[in-house]
Each structure stands twice: as C-alpha cells, then as structure tokens.
Amino acid sequence: MNKNIEKNRRIVVKFGGSSLADHERILRAVTAVAEEAKKGTQIAVIVSAMGKTTDTLFNAAKNSSNGRLHKKDLDEILAMGERTSIRIIAAALKAQGVNSWYVDPHDPEWPIITDDSFSDANPILDICYERAAKNVLPIVEKGVIPVIAGFVGRTKTNRVTTLGRGGSDTTAFILAKALEADELILVTDAEGIMTADPKVINAPKRLAEIDVNTLVGLADSGTKFIHRKALRYKDASVKVRVIKNTHGNLTAEGTIIKGALSTDLDVELASPSPALSITVVGKGVSANPQVIKELAETVKDHAELLGLSLNYDSMILYASENSNSQILLEKVHDVILNHEETLAMSVRKQLAFLKIKGVGLEKTPGLTGRISEALRLNRINIFGLMTITSSILLFVTWNEKEKALTLVRNALKGD
C-alpha cells in the first residue's frame, strides 16, 4: 500500500428531531449527506425521532395505561420514533443514489450496548467501542452510509433501552470516537452554541468555539444546548461542530466544541498557597451593586479572588494570601467605612481551598452531605462551601488540608 495515499475524510453526522420535523427538512438533511458522500467522504449518520414523535409516543403510552406502564415496555415504544427515522433516512439516501444501510437495535451489528437502567440507560463503553469498530467501521470504509438510531440502546439480554435526555448526542459522541472520525457534526435548529437561549433572548450571538467545561456550565443552569449527560461522552480527540439545519450543507460554519470532561470524581488543592476569607456585614449589602463592585475589585487589585458568597446583609470574599495581604485588608476596610450599607469586617487566615470536580457530581445524591459528615466526624471545620457547574468548592484550615483531602477522596469513593 502506498503510504502517501491519504485515507478518505470520515465524519459522523447527527440530526436532531427538529432537523427532521417535516419532509422538507428531511430532504434538506438527506441532500446534504448525499452531496458530502459524493466528495468521497466516509459518513455515518445518527438520527433522532422526527419532530415531536417521542413526546407523542410518550403521551399516548402514558395516558392509555393510566401511568402504570413498565419502563421496559415504555422504552420499546419510545424507540419506535428513532427506528422509524432510520428507515426513512436510509431509503431517502438510496433514492439520491447513495448506498445506505439502516442499523436497528435488533440487528446483530447494533453497536450501543447498555446496562438495564430502562428509560435512562448507561452505555457500556468498552463493548460499544468494540462493536462499533467491528460491525460499523467496515461498512463505513466501504463507502456505505450506516444510518443509526440515536437515543436507543440494547441490553446484553437483547432488551431495547433508551438513553434518557440527550441520548442521540450520547450515541453520536460514542460512535465518533469508536469510528475515529475526523469530525462529529451536530445538526440542530440553532446556528451553533449561542450566547443565550434563542427562545429567551431575541438576538443571541453564535460562539465560534467553546470549551466543553464551559458548555457544561450552561447545561447546569438549565440551558439545554447539549445535555450534560451527553457531554460526559465527548472525547478530547473528537472535533465537534454544531451547525444549523437550514444551511442544507455540512460545511456550514457553526460552533466548535473543544476538550473533554473529567468523568471521575476527585478532589484537589485548588490553590497552592493559603487563602483568607473576609466577611463583610451590614444591612442591605447586596442591594448596592457599587459596594459589591468595589469590594471585589479591591481584592482583585491585591490578590487572586478565589470565590465570593453573598446574601442580603453580608458578603464573604475568599482571596489568596500573599505579601500584600495586610494592604488588602486595610483597603477593604476603607471601602467598608465609605458605605453606609457595610458596618464591619472579620478575617480568617490560613485556609486551604479544595475543589471537588467531576461530572458524576449531579448523579450522586447526598454527596455534599457525605463530604461534610466525613469532615465533621474527624473534627475538621468547613469555613466555606459553594457549588457551581459540576464542582464543589470548600475551605478548611491550611494545616488540616492533607487530612481533609484524604477524607473527601474516601467520601467520593463511598468509603
């Protein structure tokens, strides 16, 4: 074989339900894939159920069974949306002269194998990667386009499952890695990842790129650009581009999603040096934005601002300790004297800043209580605790940091 011959470009394309909501959108999607295939690009297609099909199936099943439908039966019903889509898309591709083949969960080649958590199943990754490489990749390399049902899985005992919210994206992320795709293209009803939800803000802007760790923060806040569960399966090696379905081609500009999430729960010392906390008390502290601004800027002028906690009558600022700490405290005190809302301050020095991170945080009920209880039983005080975007931030005394790290790490493991 001539080593100078480059392999054909390989992509995975996922079409969401809104991109397949009617015959015009389906034709646009199919035409875009067919045009790309004619360039010699190797393609695998992942499809969701058309439009609101899943909602229609769910409501019909639920209402006709008085809400007593077993999850196993419900998954069989809901999967019919995607199983219908793959047949329509594969047939439409063939009609455009493209060699295509749909992959149904009951086919022996099916790649997505899950656990038995019906309605919110978890893919068994090593099996999924192995089956995709063995059963799907050879088809793609032959120039045939497999059309695969997103959102759907199959257990080891051959029962159909569904992957829960963001399930089609989950399928796409897994197959893009397994097939060693050059790019994963997510076709949606938005221009890409936007600065705000277009359903809430009139004129949001498209982001050219975004790191997945930033994107998961939007998912945490309830903005469903891409569901957090799906983002857990994005591999750092996979380039992801989000584009709008109305462009009708797969080369449109969109948003590039970079990086990968840490899926393992862990704790780390977030700041290599001790920290201090400055508690400011008064009346209506949070009612005056100028007070908040001046206090935060004062800290940032003299140290690293590690965190901030605020309620109506008080504010706590966490900052790194350094040679300017005394100057910092004097400056903060000056701000307090200049505003009638702020009355006094107190300081606690020599704190350790710990950060617990990992996407599994949201899947582990009671984790914060487990961590705080482990520290309480060992007589370690917590001097600050905040939660934000799949992370927990806490402060303990500096001389107890190693013991606290061990206790928290054991708590995360369930020990």
Protein backbone atom coordinates (compact mmCIF):
# COMPACT_ATOMS: atom_id res chain seq x y z
CA MET A 1 0.00 0.00 0.00
CA ASN A 2 1.26 3.48 -0.88
CA LYS A 3 1.78 5.33 2.39
CA ASN A 4 1.39 8.65 0.59
CA ILE A 5 -2.25 7.94 -0.16
CA GLU A 6 -4.38 9.67 2.44
CA LYS A 7 -7.47 7.95 3.81
CA ASN A 8 -10.80 9.47 2.95
CA ARG A 9 -12.17 12.04 5.35
CA ARG A 10 -14.52 10.36 7.83
CA ILE A 11 -17.35 12.12 9.67
CA VAL A 12 -20.27 11.29 11.91
CA VAL A 13 -23.37 13.44 11.40
CA LYS A 14 -26.21 13.62 13.90
CA PHE A 15 -29.58 15.12 13.01
CA GLY A 16 -31.82 16.21 15.88
CA GLY A 17 -35.58 15.86 15.82
CA SER A 18 -36.16 19.47 14.75
CA SER A 19 -33.95 18.86 11.70
CA LEU A 20 -36.27 16.02 10.63
CA ALA A 21 -39.61 17.59 11.58
CA ASP A 22 -41.16 17.53 8.07
CA HIS A 23 -40.46 16.26 4.57
CA GLU A 24 -38.71 19.48 3.51
CA ARG A 25 -36.23 19.28 6.38
CA ILE A 26 -35.68 15.58 5.81
CA LEU A 27 -34.96 16.24 2.13
CA ARG A 28 -32.53 19.01 3.09
CA ALA A 29 -30.74 16.73 5.54
CA VAL A 30 -30.52 13.83 3.12
CA THR A 31 -29.31 16.07 0.28
CA ALA A 32 -26.56 17.49 2.50
CA VAL A 33 -25.34 13.99 3.35
CA ALA A 34 -25.55 12.81 -0.27
CA GLU A 35 -23.56 15.81 -1.53
CA GLU A 36 -20.84 15.17 1.05
CA ALA A 37 -20.74 11.46 0.20
CA LYS A 38 -20.19 12.27 -3.48
CA LYS A 39 -16.94 14.01 -2.47
CA GLY A 40 -15.65 10.66 -1.22
CA THR A 41 -16.24 11.42 2.46
CA GLN A 42 -16.95 8.40 4.62
CA ILE A 43 -20.08 9.10 6.66
CA ALA A 44 -22.10 7.56 9.48
CA VAL A 45 -25.45 9.17 10.26
CA ILE A 46 -27.18 9.29 13.66
CA VAL A 47 -30.83 10.34 13.72
CA SER A 48 -33.36 11.30 16.34
CA ALA A 49 -37.09 10.74 16.09
CA MET A 50 -38.83 13.12 13.70
CA GLY A 51 -40.09 16.34 15.26
CA LYS A 52 -42.15 15.71 18.40
CA THR A 53 -42.64 11.99 17.73
CA THR A 54 -41.12 10.93 21.05
CA ASP A 55 -43.44 13.25 23.00
CA THR A 56 -46.44 11.94 21.07
CA LEU A 57 -45.50 8.31 21.76
CA PHE A 58 -44.83 9.03 25.42
CA ASN A 59 -48.15 10.78 25.99
CA ALA A 60 -50.10 8.10 24.14
CA ALA A 61 -48.43 5.30 26.12
CA LYS A 62 -48.79 7.06 29.46
CA ASN A 63 -52.41 8.12 29.02
CA SER A 64 -53.56 4.75 27.69
CA SER A 65 -52.05 2.88 30.64
CA ASN A 66 -53.09 5.24 33.44
CA GLY A 67 -49.41 5.86 34.14
CA ARG A 68 -48.74 2.22 35.10
CA LEU A 69 -46.65 1.33 32.08
CA HIS A 70 -43.45 -0.58 32.88
CA LYS A 71 -40.24 1.19 31.84
CA LYS A 72 -39.20 -1.83 29.74
CA ASP A 73 -42.40 -1.53 27.70
CA LEU A 74 -42.12 2.25 27.52
CA ASP A 75 -38.60 2.02 26.08
CA GLU A 76 -39.80 -0.35 23.36
CA ILE A 77 -42.49 2.19 22.44
CA LEU A 78 -40.31 5.30 22.57
CA ALA A 79 -37.59 3.65 20.49
CA MET A 80 -40.05 3.39 17.60
CA GLY A 81 -39.52 7.07 16.82
CA GLU A 82 -35.83 6.58 16.01
CA ARG A 83 -36.42 3.17 14.45
CA THR A 84 -38.84 4.81 12.02
CA SER A 85 -36.43 7.66 11.26
CA ILE A 86 -33.56 5.37 10.28
CA ARG A 87 -35.73 3.58 7.73
CA ILE A 88 -36.95 6.82 6.16
CA ILE A 89 -33.48 8.42 6.01
CA ALA A 90 -31.81 5.29 4.61
CA ALA A 91 -34.49 4.98 1.92
CA ALA A 92 -34.21 8.68 1.04
CA LEU A 93 -30.42 8.38 0.69
CA LYS A 94 -30.81 5.43 -1.65
CA ALA A 95 -33.25 7.48 -3.70
CA GLN A 96 -30.42 10.01 -4.22
CA GLY A 97 -28.12 7.29 -5.48
CA VAL A 98 -26.20 6.84 -2.22
CA ASN A 99 -25.52 3.36 -0.89
CA SER A 100 -27.06 3.33 2.58
CA TRP A 101 -28.00 0.80 5.25
CA TYR A 102 -30.01 1.35 8.44
CA VAL A 103 -28.90 -0.22 11.72
CA ASP A 104 -31.74 -1.26 14.01
CA PRO A 105 -31.26 -2.18 17.71
CA HIS A 106 -32.41 -5.72 16.94
CA ASP A 107 -29.79 -6.16 14.21
CA PRO A 108 -26.73 -8.30 15.08
CA GLU A 109 -24.48 -5.37 14.08
CA TRP A 110 -26.04 -2.99 16.63
CA PRO A 111 -23.22 -1.13 18.47
CA ILE A 112 -24.77 0.58 21.52
CA ILE A 113 -24.98 -1.88 24.42
CA THR A 114 -26.22 -0.57 27.78
CA ASP A 115 -26.98 -1.55 31.34
CA ASP A 116 -30.53 -2.37 32.49
CA SER A 117 -31.45 1.14 33.66
CA PHE A 118 -34.51 1.41 31.43
CA SER A 119 -35.52 4.96 30.37
CA ASP A 120 -32.10 6.30 31.42
CA ALA A 121 -29.66 3.58 30.39
CA ASN A 122 -25.89 3.96 30.54
CA PRO A 123 -23.78 2.71 27.62
CA ILE A 124 -21.15 0.08 28.45
CA LEU A 125 -18.37 1.92 26.70
CA ASP A 126 -15.80 -0.79 26.08
CA ILE A 127 -18.45 -3.01 24.47
CA CYS A 128 -19.84 -0.10 22.42
CA TYR A 129 -16.40 0.83 21.09
CA GLU A 130 -15.57 -2.79 20.27
CA ARG A 131 -18.85 -3.47 18.46
CA ALA A 132 -18.74 -0.20 16.53
CA ALA A 133 -15.19 -0.89 15.35
CA LYS A 134 -16.08 -4.48 14.41
CA ASN A 135 -19.55 -4.04 12.90
CA VAL A 136 -19.94 -0.43 11.74
CA LEU A 137 -16.47 0.74 10.73
CA PRO A 138 -16.04 -1.83 7.91
CA ILE A 139 -19.32 -0.67 6.38
CA VAL A 140 -18.23 2.97 6.53
CA GLU A 141 -14.86 2.14 4.98
CA LYS A 142 -16.64 0.51 2.03
CA GLY A 143 -18.40 3.80 1.27
CA VAL A 144 -21.78 2.65 2.60
CA ILE A 145 -23.56 5.11 4.90
CA PRO A 146 -24.97 3.43 8.02
CA VAL A 147 -27.98 5.24 9.47
CA ILE A 148 -28.12 4.50 13.18
CA ALA A 149 -30.85 5.21 15.70
CA GLY A 150 -29.78 7.72 18.32
CA PHE A 151 -31.21 7.67 21.87
CA VAL A 152 -31.66 3.89 21.70
CA GLY A 153 -29.64 1.06 23.23
CA ARG A 154 -29.85 -2.67 23.80
CA THR A 155 -29.01 -4.68 26.89
CA LYS A 156 -26.82 -7.77 26.93
CA THR A 157 -30.06 -9.76 27.09
CA ASN A 158 -31.36 -8.05 23.92
CA ARG A 159 -33.94 -5.74 25.54
CA VAL A 160 -34.37 -2.31 23.96
CA THR A 161 -33.44 0.62 26.21
CA THR A 162 -33.42 4.41 25.83
CA LEU A 163 -30.55 6.62 26.95
CA GLY A 164 -32.51 9.45 28.54
CA ARG A 165 -32.17 13.15 27.87
CA GLY A 166 -29.60 13.99 25.21
CA GLY A 167 -29.50 10.35 24.19
CA SER A 168 -28.93 10.94 20.48
CA ASP A 169 -25.97 13.19 21.24
CA THR A 170 -24.63 10.45 23.52
CA THR A 171 -24.83 7.97 20.64
CA ALA A 172 -23.07 10.42 18.34
CA PHE A 173 -20.20 11.11 20.75
CA ILE A 174 -19.61 7.40 21.33
CA LEU A 175 -19.63 6.47 17.64
CA ALA A 176 -17.45 9.41 16.62
CA LYS A 177 -14.72 8.15 18.92
CA ALA A 178 -15.21 4.48 18.05
CA LEU A 179 -15.06 5.16 14.30
CA GLU A 180 -12.07 7.50 14.70
CA ALA A 181 -13.99 10.22 12.89
CA ASP A 182 -12.21 13.35 11.73
CA GLU A 183 -15.23 15.34 12.86
CA LEU A 184 -18.62 14.98 14.51
CA ILE A 185 -21.24 17.35 13.10
CA LEU A 186 -24.33 18.03 15.23
CA VAL A 187 -27.12 19.47 13.08
CA THR A 188 -29.62 21.45 15.16
CA ASP A 189 -32.19 24.24 14.90
CA ALA A 190 -29.68 26.87 16.06
CA GLU A 191 -26.67 28.46 14.35
CA GLY A 192 -24.43 26.76 16.90
CA ILE A 193 -23.87 27.30 20.59
CA MET A 194 -25.35 30.72 21.29
CA THR A 195 -24.64 33.37 23.90
CA ALA A 196 -28.17 32.76 25.21
CA ASP A 197 -31.19 30.58 24.51
CA PRO A 198 -32.88 31.94 21.34
CA LYS A 199 -36.24 31.09 22.92
CA VAL A 200 -35.48 33.50 25.77
CA ILE A 201 -33.26 36.24 24.24
CA ASN A 202 -34.21 37.92 20.96
CA ALA A 203 -30.81 38.27 19.29
CA PRO A 204 -28.17 35.98 20.80
CA LYS A 205 -24.81 35.65 19.05
CA ARG A 206 -23.13 32.49 17.81
CA LEU A 207 -19.93 31.47 19.57
CA ALA A 208 -17.13 30.45 17.22
CA GLU A 209 -15.88 27.93 19.77
CA ILE A 210 -16.43 26.87 23.36
CA ASP A 211 -14.67 24.52 25.76
CA VAL A 212 -16.79 21.61 26.94
CA ASN A 213 -16.08 22.55 30.58
CA THR A 214 -17.68 25.93 29.92
CA LEU A 215 -20.54 24.37 27.99
CA VAL A 216 -21.41 22.03 30.86
CA GLY A 217 -21.93 25.13 33.00
CA LEU A 218 -24.71 26.20 30.63
CA ALA A 219 -26.23 22.74 30.89
CA ASP A 220 -26.12 23.02 34.70
CA SER A 221 -28.00 26.31 34.52
CA GLY A 222 -30.89 24.70 32.65
CA THR A 223 -29.98 25.93 29.16
CA LYS A 224 -30.20 22.77 27.07
CA PHE A 225 -27.81 23.45 24.18
CA ILE A 226 -26.44 19.95 24.71
CA HIS A 227 -27.42 17.84 27.68
CA ARG A 228 -24.83 17.33 30.38
CA LYS A 229 -25.14 13.54 30.35
CA ALA A 230 -24.19 13.50 26.67
CA LEU A 231 -21.19 15.78 27.24
CA ARG A 232 -19.71 13.14 29.53
CA TYR A 233 -19.09 11.00 26.44
CA LYS A 234 -17.22 13.61 24.40
CA ASP A 235 -13.64 12.52 23.90
CA ALA A 236 -10.88 15.13 23.66
CA SER A 237 -9.69 13.61 20.37
CA VAL A 238 -13.04 14.20 18.64
CA LYS A 239 -13.60 17.52 16.88
CA VAL A 240 -17.24 18.59 17.25
CA ARG A 241 -19.02 21.24 15.17
CA VAL A 242 -22.60 22.38 15.82
CA ILE A 243 -24.42 23.82 12.77
CA LYS A 244 -27.91 24.93 11.79
CA ASN A 245 -30.14 22.67 9.72
CA THR A 246 -31.35 25.43 7.37
CA HIS A 247 -27.96 25.73 5.66
CA GLY A 248 -28.53 22.47 3.81
CA ASN A 249 -24.85 21.52 3.72
CA LEU A 250 -22.38 20.01 6.15
CA THR A 251 -19.64 22.59 5.62
CA ALA A 252 -21.52 25.48 7.24
CA GLU A 253 -19.86 27.47 9.97
CA GLY A 254 -21.05 26.79 13.48
CA THR A 255 -19.53 26.37 16.90
CA ILE A 256 -16.53 24.15 17.60
CA ILE A 257 -16.69 22.32 20.94
CA LYS A 258 -13.24 21.60 22.36
CA GLY A 259 -11.85 19.49 25.17
CA ALA A 260 -13.35 16.77 27.33
CA LEU A 261 -14.81 16.48 30.81
CA SER A 262 -13.29 14.61 33.70
CA THR A 263 -15.77 11.84 34.42
CA ASP A 264 -14.12 10.67 37.64
CA LEU A 265 -14.98 12.34 40.93
CA ASP A 266 -11.86 13.72 42.56
CA VAL A 267 -10.66 16.44 44.92
CA GLU A 268 -7.64 18.67 44.52
CA LEU A 269 -5.93 21.55 46.25
CA ALA A 270 -7.13 24.38 44.03
CA SER A 271 -4.65 26.96 45.27
CA PRO A 272 -1.01 26.12 46.10
CA SER A 273 -0.84 28.79 48.80
CA PRO A 274 -3.03 29.55 51.83
CA ALA A 275 -6.18 31.60 51.40
CA LEU A 276 -8.04 34.02 53.61
CA SER A 277 -11.72 34.85 53.99
CA ILE A 278 -13.04 38.38 54.53
CA THR A 279 -16.55 38.58 55.95
CA VAL A 280 -18.29 41.92 55.48
CA VAL A 281 -21.50 42.54 57.40
CA GLY A 282 -24.03 45.33 57.31
CA LYS A 283 -27.56 45.97 56.17
CA GLY A 284 -28.64 45.62 52.56
CA VAL A 285 -25.11 44.88 51.38
CA SER A 286 -26.33 43.12 48.23
CA ALA A 287 -28.78 45.92 47.45
CA ASN A 288 -25.94 48.24 46.41
CA PRO A 289 -24.07 46.90 43.35
CA GLN A 290 -21.38 49.57 43.83
CA VAL A 291 -20.40 48.08 47.19
CA ILE A 292 -20.05 44.61 45.66
CA LYS A 293 -18.05 46.00 42.74
CA GLU A 294 -15.65 47.98 44.94
CA LEU A 295 -15.03 45.11 47.35
CA ALA A 296 -14.41 42.59 44.54
CA GLU A 297 -12.13 44.97 42.62
CA THR A 298 -10.18 45.79 45.78
CA VAL A 299 -9.46 42.11 46.34
CA LYS A 300 -8.50 41.57 42.70
CA ASP A 301 -6.09 44.52 42.82
CA HIS A 302 -4.06 42.89 45.59
CA ALA A 303 -4.68 39.12 45.39
CA GLU A 304 -6.37 36.35 43.46
CA LEU A 305 -10.14 36.30 44.08
CA LEU A 306 -10.91 32.62 44.71
CA GLY A 307 -14.62 32.85 45.45
CA LEU A 308 -17.46 35.03 46.62
CA SER A 309 -20.57 34.36 48.68
CA LEU A 310 -23.35 36.91 49.05
CA ASN A 311 -26.66 37.38 50.79
CA TYR A 312 -28.74 40.46 51.61
CA ASP A 313 -26.85 41.59 54.70
CA SER A 314 -23.38 40.08 54.29
CA MET A 315 -20.67 39.12 51.86
CA ILE A 316 -17.70 36.76 52.11
CA LEU A 317 -14.70 37.14 49.82
CA TYR A 318 -12.07 34.40 49.53
CA ALA A 319 -8.63 35.50 48.39
CA SER A 320 -5.11 34.13 48.17
CA GLU A 321 -2.70 35.17 50.88
CA ASN A 322 0.48 36.97 49.84
CA SER A 323 2.90 39.67 50.94
CA ASN A 324 0.25 42.31 50.20
CA SER A 325 -2.45 40.75 52.37
CA GLN A 326 -2.23 43.41 55.08
CA ILE A 327 -2.55 46.17 52.47
CA LEU A 328 -5.54 44.31 51.02
CA LEU A 329 -7.28 44.16 54.38
CA GLU A 330 -6.71 47.88 55.00
CA LYS A 331 -8.14 48.73 51.57
CA VAL A 332 -11.21 46.54 52.15
CA HIS A 333 -11.71 48.29 55.48
CA ASP A 334 -11.57 51.67 53.71
CA VAL A 335 -14.37 50.55 51.38
CA ILE A 336 -16.47 49.47 54.35
CA LEU A 337 -16.08 52.88 56.00
CA ASN A 338 -17.16 54.63 52.79
CA HIS A 339 -20.57 52.97 52.54
CA GLU A 340 -23.48 53.08 54.96
CA GLU A 341 -24.58 49.56 53.98
CA THR A 342 -21.36 48.00 55.33
CA LEU A 343 -20.68 48.08 59.07
CA ALA A 344 -17.74 45.82 59.93
CA MET A 345 -15.45 43.03 58.75
CA SER A 346 -13.76 39.93 60.12
CA VAL A 347 -10.86 37.94 58.71
CA ARG A 348 -9.83 34.31 58.85
CA LYS A 349 -6.38 33.42 57.55
CA GLN A 350 -4.52 30.23 56.64
CA LEU A 351 -7.33 28.45 54.82
CA ALA A 352 -6.93 25.69 52.24
CA PHE A 353 -9.04 25.91 49.08
CA LEU A 354 -10.25 22.46 47.94
CA LYS A 355 -12.12 21.75 44.71
CA ILE A 356 -14.22 18.61 44.14
CA LYS A 357 -14.96 18.08 40.47
CA GLY A 358 -16.32 15.51 38.06
CA VAL A 359 -19.47 15.18 36.01
CA GLY A 360 -20.67 12.42 38.33
CA LEU A 361 -21.50 15.01 40.99
CA GLU A 362 -25.03 15.52 39.69
CA LYS A 363 -25.62 11.76 39.58
CA THR A 364 -24.67 11.25 43.25
CA PRO A 365 -27.47 12.39 45.59
CA GLY A 366 -26.35 13.42 49.06
CA LEU A 367 -22.71 13.83 48.08
CA THR A 368 -22.30 17.23 49.74
CA GLY A 369 -23.74 15.81 52.98
CA ARG A 370 -21.42 12.81 52.76
CA ILE A 371 -18.39 15.05 52.40
CA SER A 372 -19.37 17.41 55.23
CA GLU A 373 -20.21 14.48 57.52
CA ALA A 374 -16.82 12.86 56.92
CA LEU A 375 -15.11 16.12 57.89
CA ARG A 376 -17.39 16.64 60.90
CA LEU A 377 -16.70 13.19 62.30
CA ASN A 378 -12.99 13.98 62.14
CA ARG A 379 -13.46 17.40 63.77
CA ILE A 380 -12.48 19.40 60.69
CA ASN A 381 -14.43 22.64 60.32
CA ILE A 382 -15.64 23.89 56.95
CA PHE A 383 -15.16 27.65 56.62
CA GLY A 384 -16.85 27.99 53.26
CA LEU A 385 -18.74 25.76 50.82
CA MET A 386 -20.04 26.60 47.34
CA THR A 387 -21.38 24.52 44.46
CA ILE A 388 -21.15 25.56 40.81
CA THR A 389 -21.11 23.80 37.41
CA SER A 390 -20.32 20.26 38.44
CA SER A 391 -17.91 21.26 41.19
CA ILE A 392 -17.94 21.79 44.94
CA LEU A 393 -15.61 24.38 46.46
CA LEU A 394 -14.76 24.24 50.14
CA PHE A 395 -12.36 25.87 52.60
CA VAL A 396 -10.72 24.22 55.62
CA THR A 397 -7.74 25.21 57.75
CA TRP A 398 -4.39 25.05 55.95
CA ASN A 399 -2.75 22.72 58.46
CA GLU A 400 -5.56 20.18 58.00
CA LYS A 401 -5.54 20.18 54.21
CA GLU A 402 -3.85 16.79 53.71
CA LYS A 403 -6.18 15.06 56.15
CA ALA A 404 -9.18 16.78 54.55
CA LEU A 405 -8.08 15.74 51.04
CA THR A 406 -7.88 12.10 52.16
CA LEU A 407 -11.26 12.21 53.92
CA VAL A 408 -13.00 13.86 50.98
CA ARG A 409 -11.41 11.46 48.49
CA ASN A 410 -12.64 8.50 50.54
CA ALA A 411 -16.11 10.06 50.78
CA LEU A 412 -16.23 10.38 46.99
CA LYS A 413 -15.47 6.67 46.70
CA GLY A 414 -18.20 5.85 49.20
CA ASP A 415 -15.69 4.62 51.81
